[in-house]
């Protein structure tokens, strides 16, 4: 969120996308072994539906995720209001639609971007030992690409928590549109949980370096 607030218009999409991707990459390697690095409620929903955590565990994650987003947005709000920081977005980096995309487009985009991102987390995390520790790189790159596509259109929520934080401090239109950026990333997470097992058990699961049967 901070990168969205601080990045200038020229080159801003690339800067913001890289920042989101690199931060998540770092978090995966830093806290991945401790908590699974769940910082996105849509990912947590996908993990829950995959049967890898309990409902209580998911609720605890969601509380922490939304609380963390609120605290981060409060710090940004303080920096913009009293710290002399110029908000390049004018809306504290809040997600929204109506300028470059309409409501229906925003719903579709957020669903698709999250649907494409969450399976990467689910599949690569499960196969991280096979990938020799490259899970964080794949996850970070996936989020960066999602932001490259969506930043200029909706701000690329992909995570309901990321949308929640700025909206509650910005208020107004951002708060009225917030439901879109909560409901549809979660829908993408649900769809991802349905698709991830197909990827895990498909031909792509063959371990790197392991010869595939030739059929002869």
N, C-alpha and C. Protein backbone atom coordinates (compact mmCIF):
# COMPACT_ATOMS: atom_id res chain seq x y z
N UNK A 1 0.82 -1.20 0.00
CA UNK A 1 0.00 0.00 0.00
C UNK A 1 0.86 1.25 0.00
N UNK A 2 1.95 1.19 0.76
CA UNK A 2 2.83 2.34 0.81
C UNK A 2 3.44 2.66 -0.53
N UNK A 3 3.74 1.62 -1.32
CA UNK A 3 4.31 1.87 -2.64
C UNK A 3 3.30 2.56 -3.54
N UNK A 4 2.02 2.20 -3.41
CA UNK A 4 0.99 2.83 -4.22
C UNK A 4 0.84 4.30 -3.87
N UNK A 5 0.94 4.61 -2.60
CA UNK A 5 0.82 6.00 -2.15
C UNK A 5 2.00 6.83 -2.60
N UNK A 6 3.20 6.26 -2.56
CA UNK A 6 4.41 7.04 -2.81
C UNK A 6 4.86 7.05 -4.27
N UNK A 7 4.47 6.03 -5.06
CA UNK A 7 4.96 5.93 -6.43
C UNK A 7 4.37 7.00 -7.31
N UNK A 8 5.19 7.61 -8.16
CA UNK A 8 4.71 8.63 -9.08
C UNK A 8 4.03 7.98 -10.28
N UNK A 9 3.27 8.78 -11.00
CA UNK A 9 2.48 8.27 -12.11
C UNK A 9 3.35 7.61 -13.17
N UNK A 10 4.46 8.25 -13.56
CA UNK A 10 5.31 7.68 -14.59
C UNK A 10 6.11 6.52 -14.01
N UNK A 11 5.86 5.34 -14.55
CA UNK A 11 6.53 4.15 -14.04
C UNK A 11 5.93 3.60 -12.77
N UNK A 12 4.86 4.20 -12.29
CA UNK A 12 4.30 3.80 -11.00
C UNK A 12 3.77 2.39 -10.98
N UNK A 13 3.15 1.94 -12.07
CA UNK A 13 2.59 0.60 -12.11
C UNK A 13 3.67 -0.45 -11.91
N UNK A 14 4.78 -0.28 -12.58
CA UNK A 14 5.88 -1.23 -12.45
C UNK A 14 6.46 -1.19 -11.03
N UNK A 15 6.65 0.00 -10.50
CA UNK A 15 7.21 0.15 -9.16
C UNK A 15 6.31 -0.51 -8.13
N UNK A 16 5.02 -0.22 -8.20
CA UNK A 16 4.07 -0.77 -7.24
C UNK A 16 4.01 -2.29 -7.36
N UNK A 17 3.97 -2.79 -8.58
CA UNK A 17 3.89 -4.24 -8.79
C UNK A 17 5.11 -4.96 -8.24
N UNK A 18 6.28 -4.42 -8.51
CA UNK A 18 7.51 -5.02 -7.99
C UNK A 18 7.55 -4.97 -6.48
N UNK A 19 7.10 -3.85 -5.91
CA UNK A 19 7.10 -3.71 -4.45
C UNK A 19 6.22 -4.76 -3.80
N UNK A 20 5.01 -4.93 -4.32
CA UNK A 20 4.11 -5.94 -3.76
C UNK A 20 4.73 -7.33 -3.88
N UNK A 21 5.28 -7.65 -5.05
CA UNK A 21 5.87 -8.96 -5.26
C UNK A 21 7.07 -9.22 -4.38
N UNK A 22 7.97 -8.24 -4.27
CA UNK A 22 9.18 -8.41 -3.47
C UNK A 22 8.86 -8.51 -1.98
N UNK A 23 7.89 -7.74 -1.52
CA UNK A 23 7.52 -7.80 -0.10
C UNK A 23 6.97 -9.18 0.24
N UNK A 24 6.09 -9.70 -0.62
CA UNK A 24 5.54 -11.03 -0.35
C UNK A 24 6.63 -12.08 -0.43
N UNK A 25 7.52 -11.96 -1.39
CA UNK A 25 8.64 -12.89 -1.51
C UNK A 25 9.44 -12.93 -0.20
N UNK A 26 9.75 -11.74 0.32
CA UNK A 26 10.51 -11.66 1.57
C UNK A 26 9.74 -12.26 2.74
N UNK A 27 8.44 -12.02 2.78
CA UNK A 27 7.63 -12.56 3.87
C UNK A 27 7.58 -14.08 3.84
N UNK A 28 7.48 -14.65 2.64
CA UNK A 28 7.44 -16.10 2.53
C UNK A 28 8.71 -16.72 3.11
N UNK A 29 9.85 -16.13 2.79
CA UNK A 29 11.10 -16.68 3.30
C UNK A 29 11.32 -16.36 4.77
N UNK A 30 10.70 -15.27 5.26
CA UNK A 30 10.92 -14.87 6.65
C UNK A 30 10.00 -15.59 7.62
N UNK A 31 8.71 -15.64 7.31
CA UNK A 31 7.75 -16.23 8.25
C UNK A 31 7.02 -17.44 7.68
N UNK A 32 7.42 -17.86 6.49
CA UNK A 32 6.74 -18.99 5.87
C UNK A 32 6.78 -20.26 6.70
N UNK A 33 7.92 -20.56 7.32
CA UNK A 33 8.04 -21.76 8.12
C UNK A 33 7.31 -21.65 9.46
N UNK A 34 7.03 -20.41 9.88
CA UNK A 34 6.36 -20.20 11.16
C UNK A 34 4.84 -20.23 11.03
N UNK A 35 4.33 -19.55 10.02
CA UNK A 35 2.88 -19.40 9.91
C UNK A 35 2.32 -19.77 8.55
N UNK A 36 3.18 -20.11 7.61
CA UNK A 36 2.73 -20.32 6.25
C UNK A 36 2.65 -19.03 5.46
N UNK A 37 3.00 -17.93 6.12
CA UNK A 37 3.00 -16.60 5.50
C UNK A 37 1.63 -16.25 4.92
N UNK A 38 0.59 -16.54 5.69
CA UNK A 38 -0.75 -16.16 5.26
C UNK A 38 -0.95 -14.67 5.54
N UNK A 39 -0.90 -13.87 4.52
CA UNK A 39 -1.16 -12.44 4.69
C UNK A 39 -2.36 -12.01 3.84
N UNK A 40 -2.97 -12.97 3.16
CA UNK A 40 -4.07 -12.70 2.25
C UNK A 40 -5.27 -13.57 2.63
N UNK A 41 -6.41 -12.97 2.99
CA UNK A 41 -7.58 -13.76 3.38
C UNK A 41 -8.06 -14.71 2.29
N UNK A 42 -7.87 -14.36 1.01
CA UNK A 42 -8.27 -15.25 -0.07
C UNK A 42 -7.40 -16.51 -0.09
N UNK A 43 -6.12 -16.35 0.20
CA UNK A 43 -5.22 -17.51 0.30
C UNK A 43 -5.64 -18.38 1.47
N UNK A 44 -5.93 -17.75 2.61
CA UNK A 44 -6.35 -18.50 3.79
C UNK A 44 -7.63 -19.28 3.51
N UNK A 45 -8.57 -18.66 2.78
CA UNK A 45 -9.79 -19.37 2.42
C UNK A 45 -9.48 -20.57 1.54
N UNK A 46 -8.57 -20.39 0.58
CA UNK A 46 -8.17 -21.50 -0.26
C UNK A 46 -7.54 -22.63 0.54
N UNK A 47 -6.70 -22.27 1.50
CA UNK A 47 -6.05 -23.27 2.36
C UNK A 47 -7.09 -23.98 3.21
N UNK A 48 -8.06 -23.22 3.74
CA UNK A 48 -9.13 -23.81 4.54
C UNK A 48 -9.94 -24.82 3.73
N UNK A 49 -10.35 -24.43 2.53
CA UNK A 49 -11.14 -25.31 1.68
C UNK A 49 -10.35 -26.53 1.20
N UNK A 50 -9.02 -26.39 1.21
CA UNK A 50 -8.15 -27.51 0.84
C UNK A 50 -7.95 -28.47 2.01
N UNK A 51 -8.49 -28.11 3.18
CA UNK A 51 -8.39 -28.98 4.34
C UNK A 51 -7.06 -28.93 5.06
N UNK A 52 -6.29 -27.85 4.83
CA UNK A 52 -4.94 -27.79 5.41
C UNK A 52 -4.89 -27.01 6.72
N UNK A 53 -5.97 -26.31 7.07
CA UNK A 53 -6.09 -25.66 8.37
C UNK A 53 -7.52 -25.82 8.85
N UNK A 54 -7.74 -25.59 10.13
CA UNK A 54 -9.08 -25.68 10.69
C UNK A 54 -9.82 -24.36 10.50
N UNK A 55 -11.14 -24.39 10.71
CA UNK A 55 -11.93 -23.17 10.62
C UNK A 55 -11.47 -22.16 11.66
N UNK A 56 -11.16 -22.63 12.86
CA UNK A 56 -10.67 -21.73 13.90
C UNK A 56 -9.36 -21.09 13.49
N UNK A 57 -8.48 -21.89 12.91
CA UNK A 57 -7.21 -21.36 12.45
C UNK A 57 -7.40 -20.30 11.39
N UNK A 58 -8.35 -20.52 10.48
CA UNK A 58 -8.63 -19.55 9.43
C UNK A 58 -9.14 -18.24 10.03
N UNK A 59 -10.03 -18.34 11.02
CA UNK A 59 -10.57 -17.13 11.66
C UNK A 59 -9.45 -16.32 12.32
N UNK A 60 -8.54 -17.02 12.97
CA UNK A 60 -7.41 -16.33 13.62
C UNK A 60 -6.56 -15.61 12.58
N UNK A 61 -6.29 -16.29 11.46
CA UNK A 61 -5.55 -15.65 10.37
C UNK A 61 -6.27 -14.42 9.87
N UNK A 62 -7.58 -14.54 9.63
CA UNK A 62 -8.35 -13.41 9.09
C UNK A 62 -8.33 -12.21 10.03
N UNK A 63 -8.46 -12.47 11.32
CA UNK A 63 -8.41 -11.37 12.28
C UNK A 63 -7.06 -10.67 12.21
N UNK A 64 -6.00 -11.46 12.18
CA UNK A 64 -4.66 -10.89 12.13
C UNK A 64 -4.43 -10.13 10.82
N UNK A 65 -4.92 -10.66 9.71
CA UNK A 65 -4.72 -10.03 8.41
C UNK A 65 -5.43 -8.68 8.31
N UNK A 66 -6.69 -8.64 8.71
CA UNK A 66 -7.45 -7.39 8.63
C UNK A 66 -6.93 -6.38 9.65
N UNK A 67 -6.54 -6.85 10.83
CA UNK A 67 -5.97 -5.95 11.83
C UNK A 67 -4.65 -5.37 11.36
N UNK A 68 -3.81 -6.22 10.75
CA UNK A 68 -2.53 -5.75 10.23
C UNK A 68 -2.71 -4.72 9.13
N UNK A 69 -3.68 -4.96 8.24
CA UNK A 69 -3.96 -4.00 7.17
C UNK A 69 -4.45 -2.68 7.73
N UNK A 70 -5.26 -2.74 8.78
CA UNK A 70 -5.77 -1.51 9.39
C UNK A 70 -4.65 -0.70 10.03
N UNK A 71 -3.75 -1.39 10.73
CA UNK A 71 -2.62 -0.69 11.37
C UNK A 71 -1.70 -0.08 10.31
N UNK A 72 -1.41 -0.84 9.25
CA UNK A 72 -0.54 -0.32 8.19
C UNK A 72 -1.17 0.90 7.53
N UNK A 73 -2.47 0.86 7.31
CA UNK A 73 -3.15 1.99 6.68
C UNK A 73 -3.20 3.19 7.61
N UNK A 74 -3.32 2.94 8.89
CA UNK A 74 -3.28 4.04 9.86
C UNK A 74 -1.93 4.77 9.79
N UNK A 75 -0.86 4.00 9.72
CA UNK A 75 0.47 4.61 9.62
C UNK A 75 0.60 5.43 8.34
N UNK A 76 0.07 4.90 7.23
CA UNK A 76 0.10 5.66 5.97
C UNK A 76 -0.72 6.94 6.08
N UNK A 77 -1.89 6.82 6.70
CA UNK A 77 -2.76 7.98 6.87
C UNK A 77 -2.06 9.07 7.69
N UNK A 78 -1.36 8.66 8.73
CA UNK A 78 -0.61 9.62 9.56
C UNK A 78 0.51 10.27 8.74
N UNK A 79 1.23 9.47 7.96
CA UNK A 79 2.31 10.02 7.13
C UNK A 79 1.78 11.03 6.11
N UNK A 80 0.63 10.72 5.52
CA UNK A 80 0.06 11.62 4.52
C UNK A 80 -0.49 12.89 5.17
N UNK A 81 -1.15 12.71 6.29
CA UNK A 81 -1.81 13.86 6.93
C UNK A 81 -0.84 14.76 7.67
N UNK A 82 0.11 14.20 8.38
CA UNK A 82 1.01 15.00 9.21
C UNK A 82 2.50 14.81 8.88
N UNK A 83 2.83 13.83 8.05
CA UNK A 83 4.24 13.55 7.80
C UNK A 83 4.79 14.18 6.55
N UNK A 84 3.99 14.94 5.83
CA UNK A 84 4.47 15.61 4.64
C UNK A 84 4.58 14.73 3.42
N UNK A 85 4.04 13.49 3.48
CA UNK A 85 4.08 12.58 2.34
C UNK A 85 2.95 12.93 1.37
N UNK A 86 3.29 13.04 0.09
CA UNK A 86 2.28 13.32 -0.93
C UNK A 86 1.66 12.02 -1.41
N UNK A 87 0.35 11.91 -1.29
CA UNK A 87 -0.36 10.72 -1.72
C UNK A 87 -0.57 10.79 -3.23
N UNK A 88 0.19 10.00 -3.97
CA UNK A 88 0.13 10.03 -5.42
C UNK A 88 -1.19 9.50 -5.97
N UNK A 89 -1.90 8.69 -5.17
CA UNK A 89 -3.17 8.16 -5.63
C UNK A 89 -4.34 9.07 -5.29
N UNK A 90 -4.17 9.89 -4.28
CA UNK A 90 -5.25 10.76 -3.83
C UNK A 90 -6.30 10.07 -3.00
N UNK A 91 -6.20 8.74 -2.83
CA UNK A 91 -7.19 7.98 -2.07
C UNK A 91 -6.52 6.99 -1.11
N UNK A 92 -5.32 7.31 -0.67
CA UNK A 92 -4.56 6.48 0.24
C UNK A 92 -4.32 5.08 -0.32
N UNK A 93 -4.23 4.99 -1.65
CA UNK A 93 -3.97 3.70 -2.28
C UNK A 93 -5.16 2.76 -2.27
N UNK A 94 -6.35 3.29 -2.01
CA UNK A 94 -7.54 2.44 -1.94
C UNK A 94 -7.90 1.88 -3.32
N UNK A 95 -8.46 0.69 -3.32
CA UNK A 95 -8.94 0.09 -4.55
C UNK A 95 -10.25 0.75 -4.97
N UNK A 96 -10.54 0.70 -6.28
CA UNK A 96 -11.77 1.30 -6.75
C UNK A 96 -12.01 1.04 -8.22
N UNK A 97 -13.19 1.40 -8.67
CA UNK A 97 -13.55 1.26 -10.07
C UNK A 97 -14.36 2.48 -10.48
N UNK A 98 -14.54 2.64 -11.79
CA UNK A 98 -15.33 3.75 -12.30
C UNK A 98 -14.57 4.67 -13.22
N UNK A 99 -13.23 4.66 -13.14
CA UNK A 99 -12.41 5.51 -14.00
C UNK A 99 -11.90 4.73 -15.21
N UNK A 100 -11.16 3.66 -14.94
CA UNK A 100 -10.60 2.85 -16.03
C UNK A 100 -11.33 1.54 -16.24
N UNK A 101 -12.30 1.24 -15.38
CA UNK A 101 -13.03 -0.02 -15.45
C UNK A 101 -14.35 0.15 -14.71
N UNK A 102 -15.39 -0.54 -15.17
CA UNK A 102 -16.68 -0.41 -14.48
C UNK A 102 -16.83 -1.49 -13.41
N UNK A 103 -17.98 -1.50 -12.74
CA UNK A 103 -18.18 -2.41 -11.62
C UNK A 103 -18.09 -3.87 -12.05
N UNK A 104 -18.75 -4.21 -13.16
CA UNK A 104 -18.70 -5.58 -13.64
C UNK A 104 -17.30 -6.01 -14.02
N UNK A 105 -16.57 -5.10 -14.66
CA UNK A 105 -15.19 -5.41 -15.02
C UNK A 105 -14.33 -5.62 -13.80
N UNK A 106 -14.54 -4.80 -12.77
CA UNK A 106 -13.77 -4.93 -11.53
C UNK A 106 -14.05 -6.28 -10.86
N UNK A 107 -15.32 -6.68 -10.85
CA UNK A 107 -15.68 -7.97 -10.26
C UNK A 107 -14.98 -9.12 -10.99
N UNK A 108 -15.03 -9.07 -12.31
CA UNK A 108 -14.39 -10.12 -13.10
C UNK A 108 -12.88 -10.11 -12.93
N UNK A 109 -12.29 -8.94 -13.00
CA UNK A 109 -10.83 -8.83 -12.89
C UNK A 109 -10.33 -9.34 -11.56
N UNK A 110 -10.96 -8.92 -10.46
CA UNK A 110 -10.50 -9.34 -9.14
C UNK A 110 -10.67 -10.84 -8.94
N UNK A 111 -11.76 -11.39 -9.49
CA UNK A 111 -11.96 -12.84 -9.40
C UNK A 111 -10.87 -13.58 -10.16
N UNK A 112 -10.60 -13.15 -11.38
CA UNK A 112 -9.63 -13.85 -12.23
C UNK A 112 -8.21 -13.71 -11.68
N UNK A 113 -7.82 -12.50 -11.29
CA UNK A 113 -6.46 -12.31 -10.78
C UNK A 113 -6.22 -13.14 -9.52
N UNK A 114 -7.21 -13.17 -8.63
CA UNK A 114 -7.06 -13.97 -7.41
C UNK A 114 -7.07 -15.45 -7.73
N UNK A 115 -7.94 -15.85 -8.66
CA UNK A 115 -8.02 -17.24 -9.09
C UNK A 115 -6.69 -17.72 -9.67
N UNK A 116 -5.99 -16.85 -10.36
CA UNK A 116 -4.70 -17.22 -10.94
C UNK A 116 -3.57 -17.18 -9.92
N UNK A 117 -3.70 -16.32 -8.92
CA UNK A 117 -2.64 -16.17 -7.92
C UNK A 117 -2.69 -17.26 -6.84
N UNK A 118 -3.86 -17.50 -6.29
CA UNK A 118 -3.96 -18.40 -5.14
C UNK A 118 -3.50 -19.83 -5.45
N UNK A 119 -3.82 -20.42 -6.62
CA UNK A 119 -3.30 -21.77 -6.89
C UNK A 119 -1.78 -21.85 -6.86
N UNK A 120 -1.12 -20.78 -7.25
CA UNK A 120 0.35 -20.78 -7.18
C UNK A 120 0.79 -20.99 -5.74
N UNK A 121 0.14 -20.28 -4.82
CA UNK A 121 0.49 -20.41 -3.40
C UNK A 121 0.19 -21.82 -2.91
N UNK A 122 -0.99 -22.32 -3.23
CA UNK A 122 -1.41 -23.64 -2.74
C UNK A 122 -0.52 -24.76 -3.28
N UNK A 123 -0.23 -24.73 -4.57
CA UNK A 123 0.52 -25.82 -5.19
C UNK A 123 2.00 -25.73 -4.86
N UNK A 124 2.57 -24.55 -5.00
CA UNK A 124 4.01 -24.40 -4.78
C UNK A 124 4.37 -24.61 -3.32
N UNK A 125 3.51 -24.17 -2.41
CA UNK A 125 3.79 -24.37 -0.99
C UNK A 125 3.83 -25.86 -0.66
N UNK A 126 2.92 -26.61 -1.24
CA UNK A 126 2.89 -28.05 -1.00
C UNK A 126 4.11 -28.75 -1.57
N UNK A 127 4.65 -28.22 -2.66
CA UNK A 127 5.77 -28.85 -3.34
C UNK A 127 7.09 -28.12 -3.10
N UNK A 128 7.15 -27.31 -2.04
CA UNK A 128 8.32 -26.45 -1.83
C UNK A 128 9.61 -27.25 -1.68
N UNK A 129 9.54 -28.46 -1.07
CA UNK A 129 10.76 -29.25 -0.93
C UNK A 129 11.26 -29.71 -2.29
N UNK A 130 10.33 -29.98 -3.19
CA UNK A 130 10.73 -30.39 -4.55
C UNK A 130 11.37 -29.24 -5.30
N UNK A 131 10.97 -28.03 -4.95
CA UNK A 131 11.47 -26.87 -5.68
C UNK A 131 12.68 -26.23 -5.03
N UNK A 132 13.26 -26.94 -4.07
CA UNK A 132 14.52 -26.51 -3.44
C UNK A 132 14.45 -25.08 -2.90
N UNK A 133 13.33 -24.73 -2.26
CA UNK A 133 13.23 -23.44 -1.62
C UNK A 133 12.84 -22.29 -2.53
N UNK A 134 12.37 -22.57 -3.73
CA UNK A 134 12.01 -21.50 -4.66
C UNK A 134 10.53 -21.14 -4.59
N UNK A 135 9.83 -21.63 -3.58
CA UNK A 135 8.41 -21.33 -3.45
C UNK A 135 8.17 -19.84 -3.33
N UNK A 136 8.97 -19.18 -2.50
CA UNK A 136 8.80 -17.74 -2.30
C UNK A 136 8.97 -16.94 -3.57
N UNK A 137 9.91 -17.36 -4.41
CA UNK A 137 10.14 -16.66 -5.67
C UNK A 137 8.92 -16.79 -6.59
N UNK A 138 8.38 -17.99 -6.68
CA UNK A 138 7.21 -18.20 -7.53
C UNK A 138 6.01 -17.40 -7.04
N UNK A 139 5.80 -17.40 -5.73
CA UNK A 139 4.67 -16.68 -5.15
C UNK A 139 4.82 -15.18 -5.33
N UNK A 140 6.02 -14.67 -5.07
CA UNK A 140 6.25 -13.24 -5.24
C UNK A 140 6.09 -12.78 -6.67
N UNK A 141 6.61 -13.57 -7.61
CA UNK A 141 6.46 -13.23 -9.03
C UNK A 141 4.99 -13.26 -9.45
N UNK A 142 4.24 -14.24 -8.95
CA UNK A 142 2.82 -14.34 -9.31
C UNK A 142 2.05 -13.11 -8.84
N UNK A 143 2.34 -12.66 -7.63
CA UNK A 143 1.65 -11.46 -7.14
C UNK A 143 2.09 -10.23 -7.93
N UNK A 144 3.37 -10.15 -8.26
CA UNK A 144 3.85 -9.03 -9.05
C UNK A 144 3.18 -8.95 -10.41
N UNK A 145 3.01 -10.10 -11.06
CA UNK A 145 2.35 -10.12 -12.36
C UNK A 145 0.88 -9.73 -12.23
N UNK A 146 0.21 -10.21 -11.19
CA UNK A 146 -1.19 -9.84 -10.95
C UNK A 146 -1.34 -8.34 -10.80
N UNK A 147 -0.39 -7.73 -10.11
CA UNK A 147 -0.43 -6.28 -9.93
C UNK A 147 -0.13 -5.54 -11.22
N UNK A 148 0.79 -6.07 -12.03
CA UNK A 148 1.07 -5.44 -13.31
C UNK A 148 -0.19 -5.34 -14.16
N UNK A 149 -1.03 -6.36 -14.09
CA UNK A 149 -2.27 -6.37 -14.86
C UNK A 149 -3.32 -5.46 -14.24
N UNK A 150 -3.44 -5.49 -12.92
CA UNK A 150 -4.58 -4.86 -12.28
C UNK A 150 -4.40 -3.50 -11.66
N UNK A 151 -3.17 -3.07 -11.41
CA UNK A 151 -2.95 -1.81 -10.68
C UNK A 151 -3.61 -0.62 -11.36
N UNK A 152 -3.46 -0.51 -12.68
CA UNK A 152 -4.01 0.64 -13.39
C UNK A 152 -5.53 0.58 -13.55
N UNK A 153 -6.11 -0.58 -13.26
CA UNK A 153 -7.55 -0.74 -13.46
C UNK A 153 -8.34 -0.61 -12.15
N UNK A 154 -7.98 -1.43 -11.17
CA UNK A 154 -8.69 -1.40 -9.89
C UNK A 154 -7.77 -1.11 -8.71
N UNK A 155 -6.47 -1.04 -8.98
CA UNK A 155 -5.51 -1.00 -7.88
C UNK A 155 -5.06 -2.39 -7.48
N UNK A 156 -5.65 -3.41 -8.13
CA UNK A 156 -5.28 -4.82 -7.90
C UNK A 156 -5.35 -5.18 -6.43
N UNK A 157 -6.57 -5.36 -5.94
CA UNK A 157 -6.72 -5.78 -4.54
C UNK A 157 -6.13 -7.17 -4.36
N UNK A 158 -6.74 -8.17 -5.01
CA UNK A 158 -6.33 -9.57 -4.91
C UNK A 158 -6.46 -10.08 -3.47
N UNK A 159 -6.24 -9.21 -2.51
CA UNK A 159 -6.38 -9.54 -1.09
C UNK A 159 -7.45 -8.64 -0.46
N UNK A 160 -8.49 -9.22 0.14
CA UNK A 160 -9.49 -8.40 0.83
C UNK A 160 -8.90 -7.52 1.93
N UNK A 161 -7.87 -8.00 2.60
CA UNK A 161 -7.25 -7.21 3.67
C UNK A 161 -6.57 -5.97 3.09
N UNK A 162 -5.89 -6.14 1.95
CA UNK A 162 -5.23 -5.01 1.30
C UNK A 162 -6.26 -3.93 0.91
N UNK A 163 -7.47 -4.38 0.51
CA UNK A 163 -8.52 -3.43 0.14
C UNK A 163 -9.14 -2.78 1.38
N UNK A 164 -9.27 -3.54 2.43
CA UNK A 164 -9.95 -3.09 3.65
C UNK A 164 -9.24 -1.92 4.33
N UNK A 165 -7.92 -2.05 4.50
CA UNK A 165 -7.18 -1.05 5.26
C UNK A 165 -7.33 0.37 4.74
N UNK A 166 -6.97 0.65 3.49
CA UNK A 166 -7.09 2.02 2.99
C UNK A 166 -8.53 2.52 2.95
N UNK A 167 -9.48 1.64 2.65
CA UNK A 167 -10.88 2.06 2.50
C UNK A 167 -11.46 2.60 3.80
N UNK A 168 -11.11 2.00 4.93
CA UNK A 168 -11.70 2.45 6.18
C UNK A 168 -11.18 3.81 6.61
N UNK A 169 -10.00 4.20 6.11
CA UNK A 169 -9.47 5.52 6.43
C UNK A 169 -9.82 6.54 5.36
N UNK A 170 -9.96 6.09 4.12
CA UNK A 170 -10.35 7.00 3.05
C UNK A 170 -11.83 7.31 3.11
N UNK A 171 -12.65 6.29 3.44
CA UNK A 171 -14.09 6.48 3.52
C UNK A 171 -14.71 6.77 2.17
N UNK A 172 -15.89 7.38 2.18
CA UNK A 172 -16.54 7.81 0.95
C UNK A 172 -16.70 6.71 -0.07
N UNK A 173 -16.33 7.01 -1.31
CA UNK A 173 -16.50 6.08 -2.41
C UNK A 173 -15.71 4.80 -2.19
N UNK A 174 -14.50 4.91 -1.67
CA UNK A 174 -13.67 3.73 -1.45
C UNK A 174 -14.36 2.76 -0.49
N UNK A 175 -15.01 3.28 0.53
CA UNK A 175 -15.69 2.43 1.50
C UNK A 175 -16.96 1.82 0.90
N UNK A 176 -17.65 2.57 0.07
CA UNK A 176 -18.87 2.05 -0.56
C UNK A 176 -18.55 0.95 -1.57
N UNK A 177 -17.40 1.03 -2.20
CA UNK A 177 -17.02 0.02 -3.19
C UNK A 177 -16.25 -1.15 -2.58
N UNK A 178 -15.96 -1.07 -1.30
CA UNK A 178 -15.10 -2.06 -0.66
C UNK A 178 -15.62 -3.48 -0.80
N UNK A 179 -16.94 -3.66 -0.77
CA UNK A 179 -17.49 -5.01 -0.82
C UNK A 179 -17.04 -5.78 -2.07
N UNK A 180 -16.87 -5.06 -3.17
CA UNK A 180 -16.41 -5.72 -4.40
C UNK A 180 -15.05 -6.35 -4.19
N UNK A 181 -14.17 -5.63 -3.48
CA UNK A 181 -12.79 -6.07 -3.32
C UNK A 181 -12.61 -7.01 -2.13
N UNK A 182 -13.72 -7.34 -1.48
CA UNK A 182 -13.72 -8.40 -0.47
C UNK A 182 -14.37 -9.65 -1.05
N UNK A 183 -15.55 -9.48 -1.64
CA UNK A 183 -16.32 -10.63 -2.13
C UNK A 183 -15.63 -11.35 -3.28
N UNK A 184 -15.15 -10.60 -4.27
CA UNK A 184 -14.68 -11.26 -5.49
C UNK A 184 -13.28 -11.84 -5.38
N UNK A 185 -12.34 -11.25 -4.61
CA UNK A 185 -11.11 -12.00 -4.34
C UNK A 185 -11.38 -13.28 -3.56
N UNK A 186 -12.34 -13.25 -2.64
CA UNK A 186 -12.69 -14.48 -1.92
C UNK A 186 -13.29 -15.51 -2.87
N UNK A 187 -14.09 -15.06 -3.81
CA UNK A 187 -14.63 -15.97 -4.83
C UNK A 187 -13.49 -16.59 -5.64
N UNK A 188 -12.51 -15.77 -5.99
CA UNK A 188 -11.34 -16.29 -6.70
C UNK A 188 -10.61 -17.33 -5.87
N UNK A 189 -10.54 -17.11 -4.55
CA UNK A 189 -9.90 -18.08 -3.67
C UNK A 189 -10.64 -19.40 -3.62
N UNK A 190 -11.97 -19.33 -3.64
CA UNK A 190 -12.79 -20.55 -3.66
C UNK A 190 -12.54 -21.34 -4.94
N UNK A 191 -12.57 -20.65 -6.06
CA UNK A 191 -12.33 -21.31 -7.35
C UNK A 191 -10.93 -21.91 -7.40
N UNK A 192 -9.97 -21.19 -6.84
CA UNK A 192 -8.59 -21.67 -6.82
C UNK A 192 -8.47 -22.96 -6.02
N UNK A 193 -9.19 -23.03 -4.89
CA UNK A 193 -9.14 -24.24 -4.07
C UNK A 193 -9.70 -25.44 -4.80
N UNK A 194 -10.66 -25.19 -5.70
CA UNK A 194 -11.23 -26.28 -6.48
C UNK A 194 -10.28 -26.76 -7.57
N UNK A 195 -9.50 -25.84 -8.11
CA UNK A 195 -8.61 -26.16 -9.23
C UNK A 195 -7.26 -26.69 -8.77
N UNK A 196 -6.78 -26.22 -7.63
CA UNK A 196 -5.43 -26.58 -7.17
C UNK A 196 -5.19 -28.09 -7.11
N UNK A 197 -6.14 -28.90 -6.61
CA UNK A 197 -5.88 -30.36 -6.58
C UNK A 197 -5.67 -30.95 -7.97
N UNK A 198 -6.34 -30.38 -8.96
CA UNK A 198 -6.15 -30.88 -10.33
C UNK A 198 -4.73 -30.62 -10.80
N UNK A 199 -4.19 -29.47 -10.41
CA UNK A 199 -2.81 -29.13 -10.79
C UNK A 199 -1.83 -30.00 -10.02
N UNK A 200 -2.10 -30.18 -8.71
CA UNK A 200 -1.20 -30.97 -7.87
C UNK A 200 -1.08 -32.41 -8.35
N UNK A 201 -2.20 -32.96 -8.81
CA UNK A 201 -2.20 -34.38 -9.19
C UNK A 201 -2.10 -34.59 -10.69
N UNK A 202 -1.92 -33.50 -11.43
CA UNK A 202 -1.78 -33.61 -12.87
C UNK A 202 -0.37 -33.91 -13.28
N UNK A 203 -0.13 -33.79 -14.56
CA UNK A 203 1.20 -34.12 -15.09
C UNK A 203 2.27 -33.18 -14.59
N UNK A 204 1.87 -31.95 -14.19
CA UNK A 204 2.86 -30.97 -13.74
C UNK A 204 3.46 -31.31 -12.42
N UNK A 205 2.94 -32.33 -11.70
CA UNK A 205 3.46 -32.67 -10.39
C UNK A 205 4.73 -33.47 -10.48
N UNK A 206 5.07 -33.98 -11.65
CA UNK A 206 6.29 -34.77 -11.81
C UNK A 206 7.48 -34.00 -11.28
N UNK A 207 8.22 -34.63 -10.41
CA UNK A 207 9.33 -33.96 -9.75
C UNK A 207 10.38 -33.51 -10.76
N UNK A 208 10.92 -32.31 -10.52
CA UNK A 208 11.96 -31.78 -11.40
C UNK A 208 13.15 -32.74 -11.41
N UNK A 209 13.58 -33.09 -12.61
CA UNK A 209 14.72 -33.99 -12.72
C UNK A 209 14.34 -35.45 -12.79
N UNK A 210 13.03 -35.77 -12.58
CA UNK A 210 12.58 -37.15 -12.64
C UNK A 210 12.08 -37.48 -14.04
N UNK A 211 12.64 -38.42 -14.72
CA UNK A 211 12.17 -38.74 -16.08
C UNK A 211 10.72 -39.15 -16.08
N UNK A 212 9.96 -38.71 -17.04
CA UNK A 212 8.57 -39.11 -17.18
C UNK A 212 8.51 -40.41 -17.99
N UNK A 213 7.49 -41.23 -17.72
CA UNK A 213 7.36 -42.48 -18.48
C UNK A 213 7.25 -42.18 -19.96
N UNK A 214 7.94 -42.98 -20.76
CA UNK A 214 7.93 -42.74 -22.20
C UNK A 214 6.73 -43.39 -22.87
N UNK A 215 6.05 -44.28 -22.14
CA UNK A 215 4.89 -44.97 -22.70
C UNK A 215 5.28 -46.22 -23.47
N UNK A 216 6.59 -46.55 -23.46
CA UNK A 216 7.04 -47.75 -24.18
C UNK A 216 7.28 -48.88 -23.21
